[in-house]
Amino acid sequence: MDFVVDQTEPINPSLSQPMKDEDLEVFIDEFGEATRRAKVPVATLEKWKGRLPFLLLDYWREEGWCG
């Protein structure tokens, strides 16, 4: 099931470029790109804002939940 997510602004406003940091690149090199994705609902991102690291929430926003 796909959800509509506004992907125009990062959760952390200080991030101005698309995601893909060095650690994520290493992870993708080791395990490969996702074969399935589900967009994360905006309500879920808002629920976890301030409780989880900004970077993780931005991964969810940009990449969705992947497998």
PDB file of N, CA and C in Angstrom:
ATOM      1  N   MET A   1       0.844  -1.167   0.000  1.00  0.00           N
ATOM      2  CA  MET A   1       0.000   0.000   0.000  1.00  0.00           C
ATOM      3  C   MET A   1       0.890   1.231   0.000  1.00  0.00           C
ATOM      4  N   ASP A   2       0.660   2.171  -0.897  1.00  0.00           N
ATOM      5  CA  ASP A   2       1.431   3.406  -0.956  1.00  0.00           C
ATOM      6  C   ASP A   2       0.650   4.540  -0.327  1.00  0.00           C
ATOM      7  N   PHE A   3       1.335   5.421   0.332  1.00  0.00           N
ATOM      8  CA  PHE A   3       0.731   6.589   0.947  1.00  0.00           C
ATOM      9  C   PHE A   3       1.292   7.821   0.264  1.00  0.00           C
ATOM     10  N   VAL A   4       0.531   8.887   0.248  1.00  0.00           N
ATOM     11  CA  VAL A   4       0.993  10.142  -0.327  1.00  0.00           C
ATOM     12  C   VAL A   4       1.765  10.897   0.739  1.00  0.00           C
ATOM     13  N   VAL A   5       2.963  11.315   0.376  1.00  0.00           N
ATOM     14  CA  VAL A   5       3.809  12.044   1.317  1.00  0.00           C
ATOM     15  C   VAL A   5       4.332  13.284   0.620  1.00  0.00           C
ATOM     16  N   ASP A   6       4.263  14.412   1.306  1.00  0.00           N
ATOM     17  CA  ASP A   6       4.849  15.632   0.774  1.00  0.00           C
ATOM     18  C   ASP A   6       6.359  15.510   0.911  1.00  0.00           C
ATOM     19  N   GLN A   7       7.040  15.416  -0.220  1.00  0.00           N
ATOM     20  CA  GLN A   7       8.485  15.228  -0.172  1.00  0.00           C
ATOM     21  C   GLN A   7       9.229  16.483  -0.600  1.00  0.00           C
ATOM     22  N   THR A   8       8.606  17.622  -0.443  1.00  0.00           N
ATOM     23  CA  THR A   8       9.241  18.855  -0.874  1.00  0.00           C
ATOM     24  C   THR A   8      10.179  19.434   0.163  1.00  0.00           C
ATOM     25  N   GLU A   9       9.957  19.144   1.433  1.00  0.00           N
ATOM     26  CA  GLU A   9      10.803  19.703   2.477  1.00  0.00           C
ATOM     27  C   GLU A   9      11.291  18.617   3.420  1.00  0.00           C
ATOM     28  N   PRO A  10      12.575  18.653   3.785  1.00  0.00           N
ATOM     29  CA  PRO A  10      13.074  17.674   4.744  1.00  0.00           C
ATOM     30  C   PRO A  10      12.520  17.936   6.137  1.00  0.00           C
ATOM     31  N   ILE A  11      12.509  16.892   6.955  1.00  0.00           N
ATOM     32  CA  ILE A  11      12.085  17.024   8.350  1.00  0.00           C
ATOM     33  C   ILE A  11      13.006  18.009   9.068  1.00  0.00           C
ATOM     34  N   ASN A  12      14.284  17.917   8.783  1.00  0.00           N
ATOM     35  CA  ASN A  12      15.285  18.808   9.371  1.00  0.00           C
ATOM     36  C   ASN A  12      15.554  19.916   8.365  1.00  0.00           C
ATOM     37  N   PRO A  13      15.083  21.135   8.611  1.00  0.00           N
ATOM     38  CA  PRO A  13      15.241  22.209   7.634  1.00  0.00           C
ATOM     39  C   PRO A  13      16.686  22.534   7.290  1.00  0.00           C
ATOM     40  N   SER A  14      17.646  22.129   8.112  1.00  0.00           N
ATOM     41  CA  SER A  14      19.046  22.430   7.812  1.00  0.00           C
ATOM     42  C   SER A  14      19.583  21.560   6.678  1.00  0.00           C
ATOM     43  N   LEU A  15      18.841  20.510   6.311  1.00  0.00           N
ATOM     44  CA  LEU A  15      19.264  19.660   5.201  1.00  0.00           C
ATOM     45  C   LEU A  15      18.711  20.228   3.901  1.00  0.00           C
ATOM     46  N   SER A  16      19.589  20.668   3.029  1.00  0.00           N
ATOM     47  CA  SER A  16      19.109  21.299   1.805  1.00  0.00           C
ATOM     48  C   SER A  16      19.348  20.432   0.577  1.00  0.00           C
ATOM     49  N   GLN A  17      20.081  19.347   0.716  1.00  0.00           N
ATOM     50  CA  GLN A  17      20.350  18.477  -0.416  1.00  0.00           C
ATOM     51  C   GLN A  17      19.674  17.139  -0.200  1.00  0.00           C
ATOM     52  N   PRO A  18      19.454  16.398  -1.290  1.00  0.00           N
ATOM     53  CA  PRO A  18      18.834  15.081  -1.140  1.00  0.00           C
ATOM     54  C   PRO A  18      19.656  14.186  -0.216  1.00  0.00           C
ATOM     55  N   MET A  19      18.975  13.233   0.379  1.00  0.00           N
ATOM     56  CA  MET A  19      19.620  12.294   1.285  1.00  0.00           C
ATOM     57  C   MET A  19      20.639  11.467   0.509  1.00  0.00           C
ATOM     58  N   LYS A  20      21.363  10.652   1.106  1.00  0.00           N
ATOM     59  CA  LYS A  20      22.387   9.737   0.619  1.00  0.00           C
ATOM     60  C   LYS A  20      23.698  10.131   1.266  1.00  0.00           C
ATOM     61  N   ASP A  21      23.811   9.884   2.535  1.00  0.00           N
ATOM     62  CA  ASP A  21      25.069  10.153   3.202  1.00  0.00           C
ATOM     63  C   ASP A  21      25.997   8.949   3.024  1.00  0.00           C
ATOM     64  N   GLU A  22      27.182   9.084   3.508  1.00  0.00           N
ATOM     65  CA  GLU A  22      28.204   8.045   3.338  1.00  0.00           C
ATOM     66  C   GLU A  22      27.782   6.715   3.970  1.00  0.00           C
ATOM     67  N   ASP A  23      27.178   6.770   5.159  1.00  0.00           N
ATOM     68  CA  ASP A  23      26.756   5.534   5.826  1.00  0.00           C
ATOM     69  C   ASP A  23      25.668   4.817   5.035  1.00  0.00           C
ATOM     70  N   LEU A  24      24.734   5.571   4.484  1.00  0.00           N
ATOM     71  CA  LEU A  24      23.680   4.964   3.674  1.00  0.00           C
ATOM     72  C   LEU A  24      24.280   4.340   2.415  1.00  0.00           C
ATOM     73  N   GLU A  25      25.237   4.997   1.823  1.00  0.00           N
ATOM     74  CA  GLU A  25      25.899   4.451   0.633  1.00  0.00           C
ATOM     75  C   GLU A  25      26.590   3.124   0.946  1.00  0.00           C
ATOM     76  N   VAL A  26      27.259   3.053   2.098  1.00  0.00           N
ATOM     77  CA  VAL A  26      27.912   1.806   2.509  1.00  0.00           C
ATOM     78  C   VAL A  26      26.862   0.712   2.704  1.00  0.00           C
ATOM     79  N   PHE A  27      25.761   1.063   3.343  1.00  0.00           N
ATOM     80  CA  PHE A  27      24.680   0.099   3.563  1.00  0.00           C
ATOM     81  C   PHE A  27      24.150  -0.426   2.218  1.00  0.00           C
ATOM     82  N   ILE A  28      23.907   0.473   1.283  1.00  0.00           N
ATOM     83  CA  ILE A  28      23.395   0.072  -0.037  1.00  0.00           C
ATOM     84  C   ILE A  28      24.424  -0.771  -0.776  1.00  0.00           C
ATOM     85  N   ASP A  29      25.699  -0.401  -0.680  1.00  0.00           N
ATOM     86  CA  ASP A  29      26.748  -1.209  -1.321  1.00  0.00           C
ATOM     87  C   ASP A  29      26.770  -2.621  -0.758  1.00  0.00           C
ATOM     88  N   GLU A  30      26.564  -2.740   0.553  1.00  0.00           N
ATOM     89  CA  GLU A  30      26.627  -4.045   1.212  1.00  0.00           C
ATOM     90  C   GLU A  30      25.373  -4.889   0.950  1.00  0.00           C
ATOM     91  N   PHE A  31      24.213  -4.270   1.025  1.00  0.00           N
ATOM     92  CA  PHE A  31      22.962  -5.028   0.956  1.00  0.00           C
ATOM     93  C   PHE A  31      22.154  -4.818  -0.324  1.00  0.00           C
ATOM     94  N   GLY A  32      22.550  -3.847  -1.126  1.00  0.00           N
ATOM     95  CA  GLY A  32      21.843  -3.580  -2.377  1.00  0.00           C
ATOM     96  C   GLY A  32      20.698  -2.593  -2.203  1.00  0.00           C
ATOM     97  N   GLU A  33      20.205  -2.112  -3.340  1.00  0.00           N
ATOM     98  CA  GLU A  33      19.070  -1.181  -3.333  1.00  0.00           C
ATOM     99  C   GLU A  33      17.807  -1.920  -2.906  1.00  0.00           C
ATOM    100  N   ALA A  34      16.857  -1.177  -2.422  1.00  0.00           N
ATOM    101  CA  ALA A  34      15.574  -1.755  -2.010  1.00  0.00           C
ATOM    102  C   ALA A  34      14.850  -2.340  -3.219  1.00  0.00           C
ATOM    103  N   THR A  35      14.136  -3.428  -2.980  1.00  0.00           N
ATOM    104  CA  THR A  35      13.343  -4.030  -4.050  1.00  0.00           C
ATOM    105  C   THR A  35      11.877  -3.647  -3.930  1.00  0.00           C
ATOM    106  N   ARG A  36      11.475  -3.199  -2.750  1.00  0.00           N
ATOM    107  CA  ARG A  36      10.105  -2.735  -2.511  1.00  0.00           C
ATOM    108  C   ARG A  36      10.146  -1.539  -1.586  1.00  0.00           C
ATOM    109  N   ARG A  37       9.192  -0.642  -1.758  1.00  0.00           N
ATOM    110  CA  ARG A  37       9.091   0.532  -0.890  1.00  0.00           C
ATOM    111  C   ARG A  37       7.637   0.861  -0.619  1.00  0.00           C
ATOM    112  N   ALA A  38       7.413   1.422   0.539  1.00  0.00           N
ATOM    113  CA  ALA A  38       6.109   1.996   0.885  1.00  0.00           C
ATOM    114  C   ALA A  38       6.378   3.402   1.402  1.00  0.00           C
ATOM    115  N   LYS A  39       5.692   4.371   0.843  1.00  0.00           N
ATOM    116  CA  LYS A  39       5.846   5.737   1.328  1.00  0.00           C
ATOM    117  C   LYS A  39       5.336   5.820   2.756  1.00  0.00           C
ATOM    118  N   VAL A  40       6.007   6.632   3.547  1.00  0.00           N
ATOM    119  CA  VAL A  40       5.655   6.793   4.954  1.00  0.00           C
ATOM    120  C   VAL A  40       4.600   7.894   5.075  1.00  0.00           C
ATOM    121  N   PRO A  41       3.499   7.616   5.763  1.00  0.00           N
ATOM    122  CA  PRO A  41       2.463   8.646   5.932  1.00  0.00           C
ATOM    123  C   PRO A  41       2.996   9.869   6.674  1.00  0.00           C
ATOM    124  N   VAL A  42       2.549  11.038   6.268  1.00  0.00           N
ATOM    125  CA  VAL A  42       2.960  12.277   6.918  1.00  0.00           C
ATOM    126  C   VAL A  42       2.643  12.229   8.412  1.00  0.00           C
ATOM    127  N   ALA A  43       1.504  11.667   8.767  1.00  0.00           N
ATOM    128  CA  ALA A  43       1.125  11.572  10.185  1.00  0.00           C
ATOM    129  C   ALA A  43       2.157  10.775  10.979  1.00  0.00           C
ATOM    130  N   THR A  44       2.734   9.757  10.380  1.00  0.00           N
ATOM    131  CA  THR A  44       3.760   8.960  11.056  1.00  0.00           C
ATOM    132  C   THR A  44       5.029   9.778  11.250  1.00  0.00           C
ATOM    133  N   LEU A  45       5.419  10.514  10.208  1.00  0.00           N
ATOM    134  CA  LEU A  45       6.602  11.371  10.337  1.00  0.00           C
ATOM    135  C   LEU A  45       6.397  12.400  11.449  1.00  0.00           C
ATOM    136  N   GLU A  46       5.213  13.000  11.483  1.00  0.00           N
ATOM    137  CA  GLU A  46       4.917  13.991  12.517  1.00  0.00           C
ATOM    138  C   GLU A  46       4.900  13.356  13.911  1.00  0.00           C
ATOM    139  N   LYS A  47       4.347  12.158  14.001  1.00  0.00           N
ATOM    140  CA  LYS A  47       4.269  11.464  15.290  1.00  0.00           C
ATOM    141  C   LYS A  47       5.658  11.249  15.887  1.00  0.00           C
ATOM    142  N   TRP A  48       6.625  10.909  15.050  1.00  0.00           N
ATOM    143  CA  TRP A  48       7.951  10.566  15.540  1.00  0.00           C
ATOM    144  C   TRP A  48       8.922  11.747  15.542  1.00  0.00           C
ATOM    145  N   LYS A  49       8.495  12.881  15.001  1.00  0.00           N
ATOM    146  CA  LYS A  49       9.339  14.081  14.991  1.00  0.00           C
ATOM    147  C   LYS A  49       9.649  14.487  16.424  1.00  0.00           C
ATOM    148  N   GLY A  50      10.927  14.698  16.711  1.00  0.00           N
ATOM    149  CA  GLY A  50      11.340  15.051  18.064  1.00  0.00           C
ATOM    150  C   GLY A  50      11.624  13.850  18.953  1.00  0.00           C
ATOM    151  N   ARG A  51      11.244  12.650  18.487  1.00  0.00           N
ATOM    152  CA  ARG A  51      11.500  11.424  19.249  1.00  0.00           C
ATOM    153  C   ARG A  51      12.581  10.577  18.605  1.00  0.00           C
ATOM    154  N   LEU A  52      12.656  10.636  17.281  1.00  0.00           N
ATOM    155  CA  LEU A  52      13.687   9.906  16.534  1.00  0.00           C
ATOM    156  C   LEU A  52      14.622  10.915  15.891  1.00  0.00           C
ATOM    157  N   PRO A  53      15.842  10.499  15.563  1.00  0.00           N
ATOM    158  CA  PRO A  53      16.779  11.430  14.925  1.00  0.00           C
ATOM    159  C   PRO A  53      16.227  11.977  13.604  1.00  0.00           C
ATOM    160  N   PHE A  54      16.509  13.270  13.367  1.00  0.00           N
ATOM    161  CA  PHE A  54      16.084  13.900  12.118  1.00  0.00           C
ATOM    162  C   PHE A  54      16.522  13.089  10.902  1.00  0.00           C
ATOM    163  N   LEU A  55      17.739  12.584  10.938  1.00  0.00           N
ATOM    164  CA  LEU A  55      18.269  11.864   9.783  1.00  0.00           C
ATOM    165  C   LEU A  55      17.434  10.628   9.464  1.00  0.00           C
ATOM    166  N   LEU A  56      17.034   9.879  10.479  1.00  0.00           N
ATOM    167  CA  LEU A  56      16.197   8.702  10.251  1.00  0.00           C
ATOM    168  C   LEU A  56      14.859   9.104   9.645  1.00  0.00           C
ATOM    169  N   LEU A  57      14.237  10.150  10.173  1.00  0.00           N
ATOM    170  CA  LEU A  57      12.963  10.609   9.626  1.00  0.00           C
ATOM    171  C   LEU A  57      13.117  11.083   8.184  1.00  0.00           C
ATOM    172  N   ASP A  58      14.236  11.708   7.874  1.00  0.00           N
ATOM    173  CA  ASP A  58      14.472  12.133   6.496  1.00  0.00           C
ATOM    174  C   ASP A  58      14.689  10.929   5.581  1.00  0.00           C
ATOM    175  N   TYR A  59      15.337   9.881   6.090  1.00  0.00           N
ATOM    176  CA  TYR A  59      15.446   8.644   5.304  1.00  0.00           C
ATOM    177  C   TYR A  59      14.055   8.109   5.002  1.00  0.00           C
ATOM    178  N   TRP A  60      13.219   8.059   6.019  1.00  0.00           N
ATOM    179  CA  TRP A  60      11.854   7.563   5.822  1.00  0.00           C
ATOM    180  C   TRP A  60      11.128   8.419   4.787  1.00  0.00           C
ATOM    181  N   ARG A  61      11.263   9.731   4.880  1.00  0.00           N
ATOM    182  CA  ARG A  61      10.584  10.649   3.964  1.00  0.00           C
ATOM    183  C   ARG A  61      11.093  10.472   2.538  1.00  0.00           C
ATOM    184  N   GLU A  62      12.385  10.393   2.392  1.00  0.00           N
ATOM    185  CA  GLU A  62      13.005  10.288   1.058  1.00  0.00           C
ATOM    186  C   GLU A  62      12.894   8.874   0.458  1.00  0.00           C
ATOM    187  N   GLU A  63      13.199   7.890   1.266  1.00  0.00           N
ATOM    188  CA  GLU A  63      13.317   6.517   0.757  1.00  0.00           C
ATOM    189  C   GLU A  63      12.074   5.683   1.018  1.00  0.00           C
ATOM    190  N   GLY A  64      11.272   6.062   2.015  1.00  0.00           N
ATOM    191  CA  GLY A  64      10.126   5.265   2.415  1.00  0.00           C
ATOM    192  C   GLY A  64      10.579   4.092   3.277  1.00  0.00           C
ATOM    193  N   TRP A  65       9.641   3.227   3.587  1.00  0.00           N
ATOM    194  CA  TRP A  65       9.990   1.998   4.289  1.00  0.00           C
ATOM    195  C   TRP A  65      10.303   0.970   3.215  1.00  0.00           C
ATOM    196  N   CYS A  66      11.487   0.406   3.281  1.00  0.00           N
ATOM    197  CA  CYS A  66      11.987  -0.439   2.197  1.00  0.00           C
ATOM    198  C   CYS A  66      12.281  -1.863   2.639  1.00  0.00           C
ATOM    199  N   GLY A  67      12.305  -2.718   1.659  1.00  0.00           N
ATOM    200  CA  GLY A  67      12.662  -4.109   1.910  1.00  0.00           C
ATOM    201  C   GLY A  67      13.454  -4.665   0.770  1.00  0.00           C
TER     202      GLY A  67
END
